[in-house]
Amino acid sequence: MRRKFYDIAKLVPKRGLAHEAIDRIAALYHADNALRELISDERRRRRAQDTRPLLDDFKCWLDLHHPQLLPKSPLAQAMAYALRNWAALIRHQEDGRLGNPVIPPENRGVQK
């Protein structure tokens, strides 16, 4: 998901919604990365406390901005992708054994 916003932000020199999405995803990276050494039950509990509010805020932000965009625009498509896959994106909140799907497997444990 991050990649879609990143590709858009690369093409737009002025900070905008794509940059804000990247910032929000980076906050999720940071919060989830801090939990990677915990046992799964503790990780699940801490995700509910630490990352769930960030995810809920990101979802509200997507719901607010997506309808305001032209449907065929790359940014609207990136937001639509995130919204369409929201159930999969939050699945890791319920199971501490799962990695964060927002973070690609090759980047898990690596802070960018």
Protein backbone atom coordinates (compact mmCIF):
# COMPACT_ATOMS: atom_id res chain seq x y z
CA MET A 1 0.00 0.00 0.00
CA ARG A 2 2.78 2.42 0.89
CA ARG A 3 4.32 1.99 -2.56
CA LYS A 4 1.25 3.39 -4.32
CA PHE A 5 1.43 6.61 -2.29
CA TYR A 6 5.21 6.76 -2.59
CA ASP A 7 5.09 6.56 -6.39
CA ILE A 8 2.63 9.45 -6.48
CA ALA A 9 4.63 11.57 -4.01
CA LYS A 10 7.79 11.09 -6.11
CA LEU A 11 6.08 12.82 -9.03
CA VAL A 12 4.68 15.72 -7.02
CA PRO A 13 7.30 18.13 -5.65
CA LYS A 14 4.82 19.99 -3.44
CA ARG A 15 3.74 18.22 -0.24
CA GLY A 16 0.18 17.03 -0.45
CA LEU A 17 -2.11 14.17 0.42
CA ALA A 18 0.24 11.46 -0.90
CA HIS A 19 3.00 12.80 1.35
CA GLU A 20 0.62 12.87 4.30
CA ALA A 21 -0.36 9.24 3.62
CA ILE A 22 3.33 8.29 3.64
CA ASP A 23 3.80 10.13 6.94
CA ARG A 24 0.86 8.26 8.46
CA ILE A 25 2.17 4.92 7.21
CA ALA A 26 5.64 5.78 8.57
CA ALA A 27 4.08 6.34 12.00
CA LEU A 28 2.52 2.87 11.73
CA TYR A 29 5.93 1.43 10.74
CA HIS A 30 7.53 3.04 13.74
CA ALA A 31 4.85 1.95 16.23
CA ASP A 32 4.71 -1.65 14.98
CA ASN A 33 8.49 -1.95 14.67
CA ALA A 34 8.80 -1.09 18.37
CA LEU A 35 6.68 -4.16 19.20
CA ARG A 36 8.49 -6.77 17.13
CA GLU A 37 10.47 -8.25 20.05
CA LEU A 38 7.39 -8.86 22.21
CA ILE A 39 5.71 -12.24 22.56
CA SER A 40 2.56 -12.56 20.45
CA ASP A 41 -0.01 -12.00 23.24
CA GLU A 42 1.75 -8.89 24.46
CA ARG A 43 2.21 -7.67 20.87
CA ARG A 44 -1.54 -8.04 20.25
CA ARG A 45 -2.37 -6.12 23.42
CA ARG A 46 0.12 -3.34 22.65
CA ARG A 47 -1.06 -3.08 19.04
CA ALA A 48 -4.55 -2.39 20.33
CA GLN A 49 -3.10 0.34 22.53
CA ASP A 50 -0.41 1.79 20.25
CA THR A 51 -1.18 1.13 16.59
CA ARG A 52 -4.98 0.76 16.49
CA PRO A 53 -5.54 4.49 17.13
CA LEU A 54 -3.15 5.28 14.24
CA LEU A 55 -5.01 2.88 11.96
CA ASP A 56 -8.40 4.28 12.97
CA ASP A 57 -7.17 7.81 12.31
CA PHE A 58 -5.75 6.77 8.93
CA LYS A 59 -9.10 5.17 7.99
CA CYS A 60 -11.00 8.34 8.92
CA TRP A 61 -8.51 10.37 6.90
CA LEU A 62 -9.00 8.10 3.87
CA ASP A 63 -12.79 8.25 4.25
CA LEU A 64 -12.64 12.04 4.39
CA HIS A 65 -10.34 12.66 1.43
CA HIS A 66 -11.15 9.84 -0.99
CA PRO A 67 -14.63 11.11 -2.02
CA GLN A 68 -13.18 14.54 -2.81
CA LEU A 69 -10.84 13.20 -5.51
CA LEU A 70 -11.47 12.40 -9.14
CA PRO A 71 -12.12 8.64 -9.22
CA LYS A 72 -9.55 7.88 -11.93
CA SER A 73 -6.76 9.94 -10.38
CA PRO A 74 -3.76 7.95 -9.12
CA LEU A 75 -4.26 9.26 -5.59
CA ALA A 76 -7.94 8.25 -5.56
CA GLN A 77 -6.94 4.81 -6.83
CA ALA A 78 -4.29 4.46 -4.11
CA MET A 79 -6.84 5.44 -1.47
CA ALA A 80 -9.46 3.11 -2.97
CA TYR A 81 -6.93 0.26 -2.83
CA ALA A 82 -6.28 0.93 0.86
CA LEU A 83 -10.01 1.11 1.62
CA ARG A 84 -10.82 -2.03 -0.40
CA ASN A 85 -8.18 -3.97 1.50
CA TRP A 86 -8.88 -2.48 4.92
CA ALA A 87 -10.05 -5.76 6.50
CA ALA A 88 -6.75 -7.40 5.54
CA LEU A 89 -4.79 -4.38 6.73
CA ILE A 90 -6.24 -4.54 10.23
CA ARG A 91 -6.22 -8.35 10.58
CA HIS A 92 -2.81 -8.22 12.28
CA GLN A 93 -4.43 -6.30 15.16
CA GLU A 94 -6.25 -9.46 16.26
CA ASP A 95 -3.28 -11.84 16.12
CA GLY A 96 0.09 -10.91 17.58
CA ARG A 97 1.80 -13.61 15.52
CA LEU A 98 1.06 -11.80 12.27
CA GLY A 99 3.32 -9.18 10.76
CA ASN A 100 1.99 -5.78 9.84
CA PRO A 101 0.65 -5.97 6.24
CA VAL A 102 1.38 -2.27 5.74
CA ILE A 103 5.06 -3.16 6.06
CA PRO A 104 6.35 -5.30 3.18
CA PRO A 105 7.97 -8.54 4.44
CA GLU A 106 11.38 -7.50 3.14
CA ASN A 107 11.20 -4.33 5.28
CA ARG A 108 9.89 -5.81 8.52
CA GLY A 109 12.35 -5.10 11.25
CA VAL A 110 14.07 -2.44 9.16
CA GLN A 111 13.29 1.18 9.91
CA LYS A 112 13.32 3.33 6.78
